[in-house]
């Protein structure tokens, strides 16, 4: 499976801002516009992973490099 990444450079000051942003990203991933999200902000990755975990059809994966966080989904059959 090829991952279609959405790569962003946004950094938020608060967890609340990141949660609001992650909600919109989760909707786009649910609509299958892309299946991976790459960000330098751990708050976005954290919020997005928890939002996506609520969707029964998804298996959530996460990874961290030195300065990036990645969240991607696979669809359960």
Protein backbone atom coordinates (compact mmCIF):
# COMPACT_ATOMS: atom_id res chain seq x y z
CA UNK A 1 0.00 0.00 0.00
CA UNK A 2 1.33 3.40 -0.99
CA UNK A 3 0.86 6.17 1.54
CA UNK A 4 -0.42 9.47 0.18
CA UNK A 5 1.13 12.01 2.59
CA UNK A 6 -0.10 15.45 3.55
CA UNK A 7 3.05 17.26 4.70
CA UNK A 8 2.58 20.42 6.76
CA UNK A 9 4.91 22.81 8.56
CA UNK A 10 2.40 24.22 11.06
CA UNK A 11 3.27 24.65 14.72
CA UNK A 12 0.61 25.53 17.28
CA UNK A 13 1.08 27.16 20.66
CA UNK A 14 -1.61 25.19 22.46
CA UNK A 15 -3.01 21.69 22.50
CA UNK A 16 -6.48 23.14 21.94
CA UNK A 17 -5.43 24.71 18.63
CA UNK A 18 -3.80 21.43 17.57
CA UNK A 19 -6.97 19.48 18.47
CA UNK A 20 -9.15 21.77 16.36
CA UNK A 21 -6.73 21.39 13.45
CA UNK A 22 -6.51 17.60 13.90
CA UNK A 23 -10.29 17.35 13.74
CA UNK A 24 -10.28 18.80 10.22
CA UNK A 25 -7.39 16.54 9.19
CA UNK A 26 -9.18 13.45 10.54
CA UNK A 27 -12.22 14.34 8.41
CA UNK A 28 -10.04 14.58 5.31
CA UNK A 29 -8.41 11.24 6.08
CA UNK A 30 -11.81 9.65 6.67
CA UNK A 31 -12.86 10.97 3.26
CA UNK A 32 -9.71 9.25 1.94
CA UNK A 33 -8.15 12.37 0.42
CA UNK A 34 -4.88 11.02 1.82
CA UNK A 35 -3.91 8.38 4.37
CA UNK A 36 -0.86 9.90 6.02
CA UNK A 37 0.01 13.12 7.81
CA UNK A 38 3.53 14.43 8.43
CA UNK A 39 4.13 17.33 10.84
CA UNK A 40 6.86 18.90 12.99
CA UNK A 41 4.30 19.51 15.79
CA UNK A 42 3.86 16.65 18.26
CA UNK A 43 0.59 18.18 19.49
CA UNK A 44 -1.03 17.75 16.08
CA UNK A 45 0.22 14.17 15.73
CA UNK A 46 -0.96 13.30 19.24
CA UNK A 47 -4.43 14.77 18.69
CA UNK A 48 -4.78 13.27 15.23
CA UNK A 49 -3.84 9.76 16.37
CA UNK A 50 -6.48 9.83 19.11
CA UNK A 51 -9.15 11.24 16.79
CA UNK A 52 -8.45 8.59 14.14
CA UNK A 53 -8.48 5.81 16.74
CA UNK A 54 -12.21 6.43 17.16
CA UNK A 55 -12.85 5.24 13.60
CA UNK A 56 -13.37 1.47 13.65
CA UNK A 57 -12.36 1.02 10.00
CA UNK A 58 -8.84 2.37 10.62
CA UNK A 59 -5.69 0.90 12.09
CA UNK A 60 -3.47 3.77 13.23
CA UNK A 61 0.30 3.83 12.86
CA UNK A 62 2.71 6.45 14.14
CA UNK A 63 6.40 7.17 13.72
CA UNK A 64 8.85 9.78 14.90
CA UNK A 65 12.09 10.96 13.36
CA UNK A 66 14.42 13.52 14.85
CA UNK A 67 12.21 16.49 13.99
CA UNK A 68 9.04 15.06 12.38
CA UNK A 69 5.98 13.10 13.48
CA UNK A 70 3.97 10.89 11.17
CA UNK A 71 0.48 9.43 11.56
CA UNK A 72 -1.01 7.15 8.92
CA UNK A 73 -3.89 4.75 8.62
CA UNK A 74 -4.60 1.43 7.02
CA UNK A 75 -8.13 0.41 6.30
CA UNK A 76 -9.41 -2.73 8.00
CA UNK A 77 -11.11 -5.16 5.67
